[in-house]
Amino acid sequence: QVQLVESGGGLVQAGGSLRLSCAASGLTFSSYPMGWFRQAPGKEREFVAAIKWSGGSTYYANSVKGRFTISRDNAKNTMYLQMNSLKPEDTAVYYCAADAVPWNLGWGSNSAYAYWGQGTQVTVSS
């Protein structure tokens, strides 16, 4: 079955950086658009970033644009989220997700993500 495993979360001071990883198995990783989402305490889960199956195109939420970078290594079945200039409001559990449809031309923030990881906590102190 499909498994997505996030890692790399932790505690960091405001202005610092973290790099999250998402290791995928059980699917043809290079065929699927992927995304990162986050959920802060008491808030709805929100979209953070998405990347096309080839890695050639990316899309970001306005709140992270210019600070976060999504990437993928299809040879390693792994996706990344480089987070720089972190702010306290970035504190959340971060989830990686795989699109429900391979080569989905409608990939992005509103796509139907079918597979989810267990999440990794990111805490940014002020």
PDB file of N, CA and C in Angstrom:
ATOM      1  N   GLN A   1       0.847  -1.186   0.000  1.00  0.00           N
ATOM      2  CA  GLN A   1       0.000   0.000   0.000  1.00  0.00           C
ATOM      3  C   GLN A   1       0.889   1.244   0.000  1.00  0.00           C
ATOM      4  N   VAL A   2       0.271   2.368  -0.271  1.00  0.00           N
ATOM      5  CA  VAL A   2       1.012   3.615  -0.334  1.00  0.00           C
ATOM      6  C   VAL A   2       1.394   4.065   1.072  1.00  0.00           C
ATOM      7  N   GLN A   3       2.648   4.444   1.218  1.00  0.00           N
ATOM      8  CA  GLN A   3       3.122   5.002   2.486  1.00  0.00           C
ATOM      9  C   GLN A   3       3.885   6.275   2.216  1.00  0.00           C
ATOM     10  N   LEU A   4       3.580   7.291   2.986  1.00  0.00           N
ATOM     11  CA  LEU A   4       4.296   8.561   2.949  1.00  0.00           C
ATOM     12  C   LEU A   4       4.795   8.838   4.359  1.00  0.00           C
ATOM     13  N   VAL A   5       6.083   9.065   4.493  1.00  0.00           N
ATOM     14  CA  VAL A   5       6.672   9.258   5.812  1.00  0.00           C
ATOM     15  C   VAL A   5       7.448  10.576   5.831  1.00  0.00           C
ATOM     16  N   GLU A   6       6.963  11.505   6.652  1.00  0.00           N
ATOM     17  CA  GLU A   6       7.629  12.803   6.790  1.00  0.00           C
ATOM     18  C   GLU A   6       8.710  12.735   7.867  1.00  0.00           C
ATOM     19  N   SER A   7       9.705  13.586   7.707  1.00  0.00           N
ATOM     20  CA  SER A   7      10.750  13.739   8.717  1.00  0.00           C
ATOM     21  C   SER A   7      11.346  15.131   8.589  1.00  0.00           C
ATOM     22  N   GLY A   8      12.105  15.529   9.610  1.00  0.00           N
ATOM     23  CA  GLY A   8      12.809  16.795   9.548  1.00  0.00           C
ATOM     24  C   GLY A   8      12.208  17.918  10.369  1.00  0.00           C
ATOM     25  N   GLY A   9      11.071  17.671  10.986  1.00  0.00           N
ATOM     26  CA  GLY A   9      10.484  18.700  11.819  1.00  0.00           C
ATOM     27  C   GLY A   9      11.280  18.923  13.083  1.00  0.00           C
ATOM     28  N   GLY A  10      10.910  19.973  13.818  1.00  0.00           N
ATOM     29  CA  GLY A  10      11.608  20.267  15.070  1.00  0.00           C
ATOM     30  C   GLY A  10      11.298  21.647  15.570  1.00  0.00           C
ATOM     31  N   LEU A  11      12.098  22.082  16.532  1.00  0.00           N
ATOM     32  CA  LEU A  11      11.952  23.402  17.139  1.00  0.00           C
ATOM     33  C   LEU A  11      13.049  24.311  16.596  1.00  0.00           C
ATOM     34  N   VAL A  12      12.665  25.483  16.147  1.00  0.00           N
ATOM     35  CA  VAL A  12      13.623  26.434  15.586  1.00  0.00           C
ATOM     36  C   VAL A  12      13.216  27.842  15.983  1.00  0.00           C
ATOM     37  N   GLN A  13      14.183  28.722  16.087  1.00  0.00           N
ATOM     38  CA  GLN A  13      13.871  30.114  16.402  1.00  0.00           C
ATOM     39  C   GLN A  13      13.385  30.845  15.153  1.00  0.00           C
ATOM     40  N   ALA A  14      12.627  31.878  15.381  1.00  0.00           N
ATOM     41  CA  ALA A  14      12.169  32.714  14.276  1.00  0.00           C
ATOM     42  C   ALA A  14      13.364  33.187  13.450  1.00  0.00           C
ATOM     43  N   GLY A  15      13.195  33.143  12.135  1.00  0.00           N
ATOM     44  CA  GLY A  15      14.283  33.496  11.238  1.00  0.00           C
ATOM     45  C   GLY A  15      15.136  32.322  10.814  1.00  0.00           C
ATOM     46  N   GLY A  16      14.941  31.192  11.470  1.00  0.00           N
ATOM     47  CA  GLY A  16      15.727  30.005  11.176  1.00  0.00           C
ATOM     48  C   GLY A  16      15.175  29.208  10.003  1.00  0.00           C
ATOM     49  N   SER A  17      15.789  28.051   9.773  1.00  0.00           N
ATOM     50  CA  SER A  17      15.431  27.208   8.631  1.00  0.00           C
ATOM     51  C   SER A  17      15.262  25.762   9.067  1.00  0.00           C
ATOM     52  N   LEU A  18      14.431  25.067   8.325  1.00  0.00           N
ATOM     53  CA  LEU A  18      14.271  23.620   8.469  1.00  0.00           C
ATOM     54  C   LEU A  18      14.052  23.034   7.085  1.00  0.00           C
ATOM     55  N   ARG A  19      14.415  21.765   6.932  1.00  0.00           N
ATOM     56  CA  ARG A  19      14.152  21.057   5.681  1.00  0.00           C
ATOM     57  C   ARG A  19      13.366  19.788   6.003  1.00  0.00           C
ATOM     58  N   LEU A  20      12.150  19.733   5.480  1.00  0.00           N
ATOM     59  CA  LEU A  20      11.317  18.555   5.654  1.00  0.00           C
ATOM     60  C   LEU A  20      11.521  17.601   4.486  1.00  0.00           C
ATOM     61  N   SER A  21      11.403  16.314   4.770  1.00  0.00           N
ATOM     62  CA  SER A  21      11.466  15.282   3.737  1.00  0.00           C
ATOM     63  C   SER A  21      10.215  14.431   3.797  1.00  0.00           C
ATOM     64  N   CYS A  22       9.853  13.877   2.659  1.00  0.00           N
ATOM     65  CA  CYS A  22       8.710  12.964   2.574  1.00  0.00           C
ATOM     66  C   CYS A  22       9.146  11.780   1.711  1.00  0.00           C
ATOM     67  N   ALA A  23       9.306  10.631   2.338  1.00  0.00           N
ATOM     68  CA  ALA A  23       9.715   9.424   1.629  1.00  0.00           C
ATOM     69  C   ALA A  23       8.476   8.636   1.235  1.00  0.00           C
ATOM     70  N   ALA A  24       8.370   8.303  -0.042  1.00  0.00           N
ATOM     71  CA  ALA A  24       7.183   7.634  -0.564  1.00  0.00           C
ATOM     72  C   ALA A  24       7.500   6.198  -0.978  1.00  0.00           C
ATOM     73  N   SER A  25       6.521   5.341  -0.803  1.00  0.00           N
ATOM     74  CA  SER A  25       6.622   3.955  -1.265  1.00  0.00           C
ATOM     75  C   SER A  25       5.234   3.455  -1.626  1.00  0.00           C
ATOM     76  N   GLY A  26       5.183   2.403  -2.452  1.00  0.00           N
ATOM     77  CA  GLY A  26       3.902   1.818  -2.812  1.00  0.00           C
ATOM     78  C   GLY A  26       3.189   2.492  -3.968  1.00  0.00           C
ATOM     79  N   LEU A  27       3.852   3.457  -4.611  1.00  0.00           N
ATOM     80  CA  LEU A  27       3.281   4.099  -5.787  1.00  0.00           C
ATOM     81  C   LEU A  27       4.413   4.469  -6.729  1.00  0.00           C
ATOM     82  N   THR A  28       4.049   4.682  -7.987  1.00  0.00           N
ATOM     83  CA  THR A  28       5.046   5.123  -8.959  1.00  0.00           C
ATOM     84  C   THR A  28       5.234   6.617  -8.749  1.00  0.00           C
ATOM     85  N   PHE A  29       6.150   6.926  -7.856  1.00  0.00           N
ATOM     86  CA  PHE A  29       6.304   8.298  -7.334  1.00  0.00           C
ATOM     87  C   PHE A  29       6.426   9.323  -8.455  1.00  0.00           C
ATOM     88  N   SER A  30       7.181   9.002  -9.476  1.00  0.00           N
ATOM     89  CA  SER A  30       7.456   9.972 -10.536  1.00  0.00           C
ATOM     90  C   SER A  30       6.234  10.304 -11.380  1.00  0.00           C
ATOM     91  N   SER A  31       5.108   9.626 -11.144  1.00  0.00           N
ATOM     92  CA  SER A  31       3.888   9.871 -11.917  1.00  0.00           C
ATOM     93  C   SER A  31       2.902  10.781 -11.193  1.00  0.00           C
ATOM     94  N   TYR A  32       3.163  11.059  -9.926  1.00  0.00           N
ATOM     95  CA  TYR A  32       2.162  11.737  -9.101  1.00  0.00           C
ATOM     96  C   TYR A  32       2.564  13.144  -8.701  1.00  0.00           C
ATOM     97  N   PRO A  33       1.655  14.107  -8.895  1.00  0.00           N
ATOM     98  CA  PRO A  33       1.864  15.400  -8.255  1.00  0.00           C
ATOM     99  C   PRO A  33       1.840  15.203  -6.741  1.00  0.00           C
ATOM    100  N   MET A  34       2.603  16.020  -6.061  1.00  0.00           N
ATOM    101  CA  MET A  34       2.701  15.923  -4.598  1.00  0.00           C
ATOM    102  C   MET A  34       2.478  17.287  -3.974  1.00  0.00           C
ATOM    103  N   GLY A  35       2.113  17.260  -2.710  1.00  0.00           N
ATOM    104  CA  GLY A  35       1.880  18.530  -2.029  1.00  0.00           C
ATOM    105  C   GLY A  35       2.271  18.484  -0.569  1.00  0.00           C
ATOM    106  N   TRP A  36       2.452  19.663  -0.012  1.00  0.00           N
ATOM    107  CA  TRP A  36       2.639  19.849   1.434  1.00  0.00           C
ATOM    108  C   TRP A  36       1.464  20.653   1.968  1.00  0.00           C
ATOM    109  N   PHE A  37       0.975  20.241   3.121  1.00  0.00           N
ATOM    110  CA  PHE A  37      -0.097  20.923   3.835  1.00  0.00           C
ATOM    111  C   PHE A  37       0.342  21.097   5.281  1.00  0.00           C
ATOM    112  N   ARG A  38      -0.369  21.961   6.008  1.00  0.00           N
ATOM    113  CA  ARG A  38      -0.074  22.117   7.425  1.00  0.00           C
ATOM    114  C   ARG A  38      -1.354  22.403   8.189  1.00  0.00           C
ATOM    115  N   GLN A  39      -1.310  22.062   9.463  1.00  0.00           N
ATOM    116  CA  GLN A  39      -2.450  22.320  10.333  1.00  0.00           C
ATOM    117  C   GLN A  39      -1.957  22.801  11.681  1.00  0.00           C
ATOM    118  N   ALA A  40      -2.341  24.009  12.007  1.00  0.00           N
ATOM    119  CA  ALA A  40      -2.001  24.591  13.303  1.00  0.00           C
ATOM    120  C   ALA A  40      -3.097  24.255  14.311  1.00  0.00           C
ATOM    121  N   PRO A  41      -2.796  24.283  15.614  1.00  0.00           N
ATOM    122  CA  PRO A  41      -3.808  23.962  16.623  1.00  0.00           C
ATOM    123  C   PRO A  41      -5.040  24.854  16.487  1.00  0.00           C
ATOM    124  N   GLY A  42      -6.197  24.235  16.444  1.00  0.00           N
ATOM    125  CA  GLY A  42      -7.440  24.974  16.377  1.00  0.00           C
ATOM    126  C   GLY A  42      -7.773  25.560  15.022  1.00  0.00           C
ATOM    127  N   LYS A  43      -6.974  25.207  14.023  1.00  0.00           N
ATOM    128  CA  LYS A  43      -7.202  25.754  12.680  1.00  0.00           C
ATOM    129  C   LYS A  43      -7.430  24.628  11.667  1.00  0.00           C
ATOM    130  N   GLU A  44      -7.998  25.012  10.538  1.00  0.00           N
ATOM    131  CA  GLU A  44      -8.199  24.070   9.446  1.00  0.00           C
ATOM    132  C   GLU A  44      -6.851  23.745   8.784  1.00  0.00           C
ATOM    133  N   ARG A  45      -6.782  22.560   8.211  1.00  0.00           N
ATOM    134  CA  ARG A  45      -5.602  22.221   7.425  1.00  0.00           C
ATOM    135  C   ARG A  45      -5.533  23.149   6.212  1.00  0.00           C
ATOM    136  N   GLU A  46      -4.334  23.616   5.897  1.00  0.00           N
ATOM    137  CA  GLU A  46      -4.191  24.532   4.771  1.00  0.00           C
ATOM    138  C   GLU A  46      -3.094  24.062   3.825  1.00  0.00           C
ATOM    139  N   PHE A  47      -3.269  24.435   2.585  1.00  0.00           N
ATOM    140  CA  PHE A  47      -2.304  24.121   1.538  1.00  0.00           C
ATOM    141  C   PHE A  47      -1.050  24.970   1.723  1.00  0.00           C
ATOM    142  N   VAL A  48       0.104  24.354   1.471  1.00  0.00           N
ATOM    143  CA  VAL A  48       1.370  25.073   1.555  1.00  0.00           C
ATOM    144  C   VAL A  48       2.036  25.169   0.182  1.00  0.00           C
ATOM    145  N   ALA A  49       2.229  24.016  -0.473  1.00  0.00           N
ATOM    146  CA  ALA A  49       2.942  24.013  -1.753  1.00  0.00           C
ATOM    147  C   ALA A  49       2.642  22.716  -2.488  1.00  0.00           C
ATOM    148  N   ALA A  50       2.800  22.761  -3.807  1.00  0.00           N
ATOM    149  CA  ALA A  50       2.608  21.568  -4.631  1.00  0.00           C
ATOM    150  C   ALA A  50       3.654  21.530  -5.728  1.00  0.00           C
ATOM    151  N   ILE A  51       3.898  20.326  -6.224  1.00  0.00           N
ATOM    152  CA  ILE A  51       4.899  20.154  -7.271  1.00  0.00           C
ATOM    153  C   ILE A  51       4.405  19.124  -8.272  1.00  0.00           C
ATOM    154  N   LYS A  52       4.621  19.436  -9.535  1.00  0.00           N
ATOM    155  CA  LYS A  52       4.210  18.551 -10.613  1.00  0.00           C
ATOM    156  C   LYS A  52       5.015  17.256 -10.571  1.00  0.00           C
ATOM    157  N   TRP A  53       4.498  16.202 -11.197  1.00  0.00           N
ATOM    158  CA  TRP A  53       5.158  14.907 -11.144  1.00  0.00           C
ATOM    159  C   TRP A  53       6.603  14.950 -11.648  1.00  0.00           C
ATOM    160  N   SER A  54       6.861  15.805 -12.616  1.00  0.00           N
ATOM    161  CA  SER A  54       8.209  15.907 -13.169  1.00  0.00           C
ATOM    162  C   SER A  54       9.126  16.777 -12.312  1.00  0.00           C
ATOM    163  N   GLY A  55       8.513  17.576 -11.452  1.00  0.00           N
ATOM    164  CA  GLY A  55       9.279  18.540 -10.675  1.00  0.00           C
ATOM    165  C   GLY A  55       9.502  19.839 -11.418  1.00  0.00           C
ATOM    166  N   GLY A  56       8.983  19.929 -12.636  1.00  0.00           N
ATOM    167  CA  GLY A  56       9.246  21.094 -13.459  1.00  0.00           C
ATOM    168  C   GLY A  56       8.417  22.307 -13.119  1.00  0.00           C
ATOM    169  N   SER A  57       7.330  22.118 -12.384  1.00  0.00           N
ATOM    170  CA  SER A  57       6.482  23.251 -12.003  1.00  0.00           C
ATOM    171  C   SER A  57       6.119  23.145 -10.533  1.00  0.00           C
ATOM    172  N   THR A  58       6.004  24.293  -9.895  1.00  0.00           N
ATOM    173  CA  THR A  58       5.646  24.352  -8.485  1.00  0.00           C
ATOM    174  C   THR A  58       4.594  25.416  -8.256  1.00  0.00           C
ATOM    175  N   TYR A  59       3.939  25.335  -7.106  1.00  0.00           N
ATOM    176  CA  TYR A  59       2.885  26.298  -6.765  1.00  0.00           C
ATOM    177  C   TYR A  59       2.894  26.468  -5.260  1.00  0.00           C
ATOM    178  N   TYR A  60       2.742  27.730  -4.804  1.00  0.00           N
ATOM    179  CA  TYR A  60       2.854  28.022  -3.385  1.00  0.00           C
ATOM    180  C   TYR A  60       1.664  28.832  -2.879  1.00  0.00           C
ATOM    181  N   ALA A  61       1.353  28.637  -1.619  1.00  0.00           N
ATOM    182  CA  ALA A  61       0.442  29.544  -0.942  1.00  0.00           C
ATOM    183  C   ALA A  61       1.114  30.888  -0.785  1.00  0.00           C
ATOM    184  N   ASN A  62       0.339  31.953  -0.816  1.00  0.00           N
ATOM    185  CA  ASN A  62       0.914  33.297  -0.703  1.00  0.00           C
ATOM    186  C   ASN A  62       1.682  33.484   0.599  1.00  0.00           C
ATOM    187  N   SER A  63       1.240  32.802   1.636  1.00  0.00           N
ATOM    188  CA  SER A  63       1.846  32.992   2.950  1.00  0.00           C
ATOM    189  C   SER A  63       3.281  32.466   3.035  1.00  0.00           C
ATOM    190  N   VAL A  64       3.666  31.587   2.115  1.00  0.00           N
ATOM    191  CA  VAL A  64       5.011  31.010   2.171  1.00  0.00           C
ATOM    192  C   VAL A  64       5.844  31.347   0.941  1.00  0.00           C
ATOM    193  N   LYS A  65       5.252  31.984  -0.028  1.00  0.00           N
ATOM    194  CA  LYS A  65       5.953  32.287  -1.269  1.00  0.00           C
ATOM    195  C   LYS A  65       7.190  33.139  -0.980  1.00  0.00           C
ATOM    196  N   GLY A  66       8.302  32.741  -1.565  1.00  0.00           N
ATOM    197  CA  GLY A  66       9.552  33.462  -1.352  1.00  0.00           C
ATOM    198  C   GLY A  66      10.342  32.987  -0.150  1.00  0.00           C
ATOM    199  N   ARG A  67       9.720  32.197   0.716  1.00  0.00           N
ATOM    200  CA  ARG A  67      10.416  31.677   1.906  1.00  0.00           C
ATOM    201  C   ARG A  67      10.589  30.160   1.851  1.00  0.00           C
ATOM    202  N   PHE A  68       9.617  29.472   1.286  1.00  0.00           N
ATOM    203  CA  PHE A  68       9.643  28.007   1.214  1.00  0.00           C
ATOM    204  C   PHE A  68       9.925  27.570  -0.224  1.00  0.00           C
ATOM    205  N   THR A  69      10.597  26.426  -0.360  1.00  0.00           N
ATOM    206  CA  THR A  69      10.865  25.847  -1.670  1.00  0.00           C
ATOM    207  C   THR A  69      10.537  24.359  -1.646  1.00  0.00           C
ATOM    208  N   ILE A  70       9.654  23.965  -2.543  1.00  0.00           N
ATOM    209  CA  ILE A  70       9.304  22.553  -2.674  1.00  0.00           C
ATOM    210  C   ILE A  70      10.143  21.953  -3.796  1.00  0.00           C
ATOM    211  N   SER A  71      10.580  20.720  -3.603  1.00  0.00           N
ATOM    212  CA  SER A  71      11.361  20.027  -4.625  1.00  0.00           C
ATOM    213  C   SER A  71      11.145  18.527  -4.475  1.00  0.00           C
ATOM    214  N   ARG A  72      11.630  17.790  -5.450  1.00  0.00           N
ATOM    215  CA  ARG A  72      11.505  16.336  -5.383  1.00  0.00           C
ATOM    216  C   ARG A  72      12.676  15.683  -6.093  1.00  0.00           C
ATOM    217  N   ASP A  73      12.993  14.479  -5.655  1.00  0.00           N
ATOM    218  CA  ASP A  73      14.017  13.657  -6.288  1.00  0.00           C
ATOM    219  C   ASP A  73      13.336  12.343  -6.657  1.00  0.00           C
ATOM    220  N   ASN A  74      12.933  12.211  -7.893  1.00  0.00           N
ATOM    221  CA  ASN A  74      12.174  11.028  -8.301  1.00  0.00           C
ATOM    222  C   ASN A  74      13.023   9.765  -8.248  1.00  0.00           C
ATOM    223  N   ALA A  75      14.328   9.895  -8.353  1.00  0.00           N
ATOM    224  CA  ALA A  75      15.200   8.728  -8.249  1.00  0.00           C
ATOM    225  C   ALA A  75      15.217   8.175  -6.824  1.00  0.00           C
ATOM    226  N   LYS A  76      14.928   9.047  -5.851  1.00  0.00           N
ATOM    227  CA  LYS A  76      14.929   8.636  -4.439  1.00  0.00           C
ATOM    228  C   LYS A  76      13.527   8.515  -3.872  1.00  0.00           C
ATOM    229  N   ASN A  77      12.514   8.732  -4.710  1.00  0.00           N
ATOM    230  CA  ASN A  77      11.113   8.685  -4.244  1.00  0.00           C
ATOM    231  C   ASN A  77      10.896   9.587  -3.034  1.00  0.00           C
ATOM    232  N   THR A  78      11.453  10.764  -3.095  1.00  0.00           N
ATOM    233  CA  THR A  78      11.423  11.669  -1.953  1.00  0.00           C
ATOM    234  C   THR A  78      11.093  13.089  -2.390  1.00  0.00           C
ATOM    235  N   MET A  79      10.277  13.750  -1.575  1.00  0.00           N
ATOM    236  CA  MET A  79       9.931  15.151  -1.780  1.00  0.00           C
ATOM    237  C   MET A  79      10.473  15.951  -0.601  1.00  0.00           C
ATOM    238  N   TYR A  80      10.755  17.217  -0.842  1.00  0.00           N
ATOM    239  CA  TYR A  80      11.343  18.068   0.191  1.00  0.00           C
ATOM    240  C   TYR A  80      10.569  19.381   0.315  1.00  0.00           C
ATOM    241  N   LEU A  81      10.713  20.001   1.480  1.00  0.00           N
ATOM    242  CA  LEU A  81      10.236  21.360   1.678  1.00  0.00           C
ATOM    243  C   LEU A  81      11.309  22.107   2.454  1.00  0.00           C
ATOM    244  N   GLN A  82      12.013  22.992   1.771  1.00  0.00           N
ATOM    245  CA  GLN A  82      13.000  23.837   2.414  1.00  0.00           C
ATOM    246  C   GLN A  82      12.291  25.072   2.944  1.00  0.00           C
ATOM    247  N   MET A  83      12.376  25.292   4.236  1.00  0.00           N
ATOM    248  CA  MET A  83      11.670  26.402   4.872  1.00  0.00           C
ATOM    249  C   MET A  83      12.687  27.364   5.465  1.00  0.00           C
ATOM    250  N   ASN A  84      12.717  28.569   4.935  1.00  0.00           N
ATOM    251  CA  ASN A  84      13.632  29.609   5.404  1.00  0.00           C
ATOM    252  C   ASN A  84      12.848  30.764   6.000  1.00  0.00           C
ATOM    253  N   SER A  85      13.535  31.601   6.731  1.00  0.00           N
ATOM    254  CA  SER A  85      12.911  32.789   7.342  1.00  0.00           C
ATOM    255  C   SER A  85      11.629  32.404   8.080  1.00  0.00           C
ATOM    256  N   LEU A  86      11.714  31.382   8.877  1.00  0.00           N
ATOM    257  CA  LEU A  86      10.522  30.869   9.556  1.00  0.00           C
ATOM    258  C   LEU A  86       9.972  31.877  10.551  1.00  0.00           C
ATOM    259  N   LYS A  87       8.646  31.872  10.664  1.00  0.00           N
ATOM    260  CA  LYS A  87       7.935  32.771  11.559  1.00  0.00           C
ATOM    261  C   LYS A  87       7.137  31.946  12.570  1.00  0.00           C
ATOM    262  N   PRO A  88       6.807  32.521  13.709  1.00  0.00           N
ATOM    263  CA  PRO A  88       5.988  31.776  14.681  1.00  0.00           C
ATOM    264  C   PRO A  88       4.678  31.273  14.081  1.00  0.00           C
ATOM    265  N   GLU A  89       4.113  32.015  13.157  1.00  0.00           N
ATOM    266  CA  GLU A  89       2.853  31.590  12.540  1.00  0.00           C
ATOM    267  C   GLU A  89       3.021  30.404  11.590  1.00  0.00           C
ATOM    268  N   ASP A  90       4.243  29.970  11.347  1.00  0.00           N
ATOM    269  CA  ASP A  90       4.477  28.744  10.577  1.00  0.00           C
ATOM    270  C   ASP A  90       4.374  27.496  11.447  1.00  0.00           C
ATOM    271  N   THR A  91       4.232  27.691  12.741  1.00  0.00           N
ATOM    272  CA  THR A  91       4.115  26.557  13.650  1.00  0.00           C
ATOM    273  C   THR A  91       2.878  25.727  13.316  1.00  0.00           C
ATOM    274  N   ALA A  92       3.088  24.434  13.084  1.00  0.00           N
ATOM    275  CA  ALA A  92       1.994  23.545  12.684  1.00  0.00           C
ATOM    276  C   ALA A  92       2.534  22.125  12.532  1.00  0.00           C
ATOM    277  N   VAL A  93       1.612  21.205  12.358  1.00  0.00           N
ATOM    278  CA  VAL A  93       1.989  19.865  11.897  1.00  0.00           C
ATOM    279  C   VAL A  93       1.968  19.902  10.376  1.00  0.00           C
ATOM    280  N   TYR A  94       3.053  19.476   9.773  1.00  0.00           N
ATOM    281  CA  TYR A  94       3.186  19.505   8.321  1.00  0.00           C
ATOM    282  C   TYR A  94       2.986  18.090   7.763  1.00  0.00           C
ATOM    283  N   TYR A  95       2.148  18.023   6.734  1.00  0.00           N
ATOM    284  CA  TYR A  95       1.811  16.742   6.111  1.00  0.00           C
ATOM    285  C   TYR A  95       2.210  16.758   4.638  1.00  0.00           C
ATOM    286  N   CYS A  96       2.727  15.640   4.166  1.00  0.00           N
ATOM    287  CA  CYS A  96       2.894  15.491   2.724  1.00  0.00           C
ATOM    288  C   CYS A  96       1.738  14.656   2.189  1.00  0.00           C
ATOM    289  N   ALA A  97       1.440  14.861   0.930  1.00  0.00           N
ATOM    290  CA  ALA A  97       0.304  14.193   0.318  1.00  0.00           C
ATOM    291  C   ALA A  97       0.586  13.908  -1.143  1.00  0.00           C
ATOM    292  N   ALA A  98      -0.005  12.815  -1.633  1.00  0.00           N
ATOM    293  CA  ALA A  98       0.105  12.452  -3.038  1.00  0.00           C
ATOM    294  C   ALA A  98      -1.254  12.592  -3.707  1.00  0.00           C
ATOM    295  N   ASP A  99      -1.244  13.133  -4.907  1.00  0.00           N
ATOM    296  CA  ASP A  99      -2.471  13.311  -5.677  1.00  0.00           C
ATOM    297  C   ASP A  99      -3.149  11.964  -5.893  1.00  0.00           C
ATOM    298  N   ALA A 100      -4.471  12.011  -6.057  1.00  0.00           N
ATOM    299  CA  ALA A 100      -5.217  10.785  -6.307  1.00  0.00           C
ATOM    300  C   ALA A 100      -5.009  10.269  -7.716  1.00  0.00           C
ATOM    301  N   VAL A 101      -4.590  11.151  -8.616  1.00  0.00           N
ATOM    302  CA  VAL A 101      -4.540  10.811 -10.042  1.00  0.00           C
ATOM    303  C   VAL A 101      -3.134  11.048 -10.583  1.00  0.00           C
ATOM    304  N   PRO A 102      -2.521  10.032 -11.194  1.00  0.00           N
ATOM    305  CA  PRO A 102      -1.214  10.275 -11.818  1.00  0.00           C
ATOM    306  C   PRO A 102      -1.347  11.208 -13.014  1.00  0.00           C
ATOM    307  N   TRP A 103      -0.311  12.001 -13.217  1.00  0.00           N
ATOM    308  CA  TRP A 103      -0.262  12.955 -14.334  1.00  0.00           C
ATOM    309  C   TRP A 103      -1.516  13.841 -14.384  1.00  0.00           C
ATOM    310  N   ASN A 104      -1.968  14.240 -13.223  1.00  0.00           N
ATOM    311  CA  ASN A 104      -3.170  15.053 -13.123  1.00  0.00           C
ATOM    312  C   ASN A 104      -2.886  16.460 -13.630  1.00  0.00           C
ATOM    313  N   LEU A 105      -3.501  16.827 -14.736  1.00  0.00           N
ATOM    314  CA  LEU A 105      -3.274  18.151 -15.305  1.00  0.00           C
ATOM    315  C   LEU A 105      -3.877  19.243 -14.434  1.00  0.00           C
ATOM    316  N   GLY A 106      -4.765  18.870 -13.542  1.00  0.00           N
ATOM    317  CA  GLY A 106      -5.367  19.835 -12.629  1.00  0.00           C
ATOM    318  C   GLY A 106      -4.661  19.897 -11.284  1.00  0.00           C
ATOM    319  N   TRP A 107      -3.384  19.465 -11.253  1.00  0.00           N
ATOM    320  CA  TRP A 107      -2.648  19.421  -9.992  1.00  0.00           C
ATOM    321  C   TRP A 107      -2.534  20.801  -9.362  1.00  0.00           C
ATOM    322  N   GLY A 108      -2.382  20.805  -8.036  1.00  0.00           N
ATOM    323  CA  GLY A 108      -2.194  22.079  -7.361  1.00  0.00           C
ATOM    324  C   GLY A 108      -2.881  22.099  -6.019  1.00  0.00           C
ATOM    325  N   SER A 109      -3.327  23.245  -5.597  1.00  0.00           N
ATOM    326  CA  SER A 109      -3.890  23.413  -4.262  1.00  0.00           C
ATOM    327  C   SER A 109      -5.260  22.779  -4.131  1.00  0.00           C
ATOM    328  N   ASN A 110      -6.020  22.706  -5.207  1.00  0.00           N
ATOM    329  CA  ASN A 110      -7.388  22.188  -5.147  1.00  0.00           C
ATOM    330  C   ASN A 110      -7.511  20.757  -5.638  1.00  0.00           C
ATOM    331  N   SER A 111      -6.394  20.128  -5.898  1.00  0.00           N
ATOM    332  CA  SER A 111      -6.433  18.752  -6.356  1.00  0.00           C
ATOM    333  C   SER A 111      -6.926  17.832  -5.247  1.00  0.00           C
ATOM    334  N   ALA A 112      -7.402  16.654  -5.621  1.00  0.00           N
ATOM    335  CA  ALA A 112      -7.854  15.658  -4.646  1.00  0.00           C
ATOM    336  C   ALA A 112      -6.662  14.812  -4.234  1.00  0.00           C
ATOM    337  N   TYR A 113      -6.155  15.066  -3.066  1.00  0.00           N
ATOM    338  CA  TYR A 113      -5.013  14.307  -2.560  1.00  0.00           C
ATOM    339  C   TYR A 113      -5.530  13.071  -1.835  1.00  0.00           C
ATOM    340  N   ALA A 114      -5.086  11.911  -2.289  1.00  0.00           N
ATOM    341  CA  ALA A 114      -5.645  10.657  -1.789  1.00  0.00           C
ATOM    342  C   ALA A 114      -4.804  10.013  -0.697  1.00  0.00           C
ATOM    343  N   TYR A 115      -3.523  10.317  -0.668  1.00  0.00           N
ATOM    344  CA  TYR A 115      -2.608   9.642   0.254  1.00  0.00           C
ATOM    345  C   TYR A 115      -1.901  10.675   1.115  1.00  0.00           C
ATOM    346  N   TRP A 116      -1.820  10.382   2.418  1.00  0.00           N
ATOM    347  CA  TRP A 116      -1.284  11.341   3.374  1.00  0.00           C
ATOM    348  C   TRP A 116      -0.279  10.666   4.300  1.00  0.00           C
ATOM    349  N   GLY A 117       0.711  11.452   4.708  1.00  0.00           N
ATOM    350  CA  GLY A 117       1.629  10.991   5.725  1.00  0.00           C
ATOM    351  C   GLY A 117       1.070  11.238   7.107  1.00  0.00           C
ATOM    352  N   GLN A 118       1.851  10.873   8.116  1.00  0.00           N
ATOM    353  CA  GLN A 118       1.388  10.992   9.502  1.00  0.00           C
ATOM    354  C   GLN A 118       1.672  12.382  10.083  1.00  0.00           C
ATOM    355  N   GLY A 119       2.487  13.150   9.398  1.00  0.00           N
ATOM    356  CA  GLY A 119       2.767  14.511   9.842  1.00  0.00           C
ATOM    357  C   GLY A 119       4.041  14.634  10.656  1.00  0.00           C
ATOM    358  N   THR A 120       4.634  15.816  10.606  1.00  0.00           N
ATOM    359  CA  THR A 120       5.809  16.127  11.413  1.00  0.00           C
ATOM    360  C   THR A 120       5.625  17.529  12.003  1.00  0.00           C
ATOM    361  N   GLN A 121       5.939  17.668  13.275  1.00  0.00           N
ATOM    362  CA  GLN A 121       5.690  18.925  13.985  1.00  0.00           C
ATOM    363  C   GLN A 121       6.810  19.922  13.696  1.00  0.00           C
ATOM    364  N   VAL A 122       6.404  21.124  13.370  1.00  0.00           N
ATOM    365  CA  VAL A 122       7.332  22.248  13.223  1.00  0.00           C
ATOM    366  C   VAL A 122       6.898  23.318  14.213  1.00  0.00           C
ATOM    367  N   THR A 123       7.817  23.712  15.085  1.00  0.00           N
ATOM    368  CA  THR A 123       7.531  24.738  16.073  1.00  0.00           C
ATOM    369  C   THR A 123       8.554  25.849  15.934  1.00  0.00           C
ATOM    370  N   VAL A 124       8.056  27.071  15.741  1.00  0.00           N
ATOM    371  CA  VAL A 124       8.925  28.230  15.578  1.00  0.00           C
ATOM    372  C   VAL A 124       8.727  29.145  16.774  1.00  0.00           C
ATOM    373  N   SER A 125       9.790  29.356  17.526  1.00  0.00           N
ATOM    374  CA  SER A 125       9.706  30.182  18.719  1.00  0.00           C
ATOM    375  C   SER A 125      10.068  31.628  18.377  1.00  0.00           C
ATOM    376  N   SER A 126       9.444  32.548  19.092  1.00  0.00           N
ATOM    377  CA  SER A 126       9.694  33.973  18.826  1.00  0.00           C
ATOM    378  C   SER A 126      10.830  34.509  19.665  1.00  0.00           C
TER     379      SER A 126
END
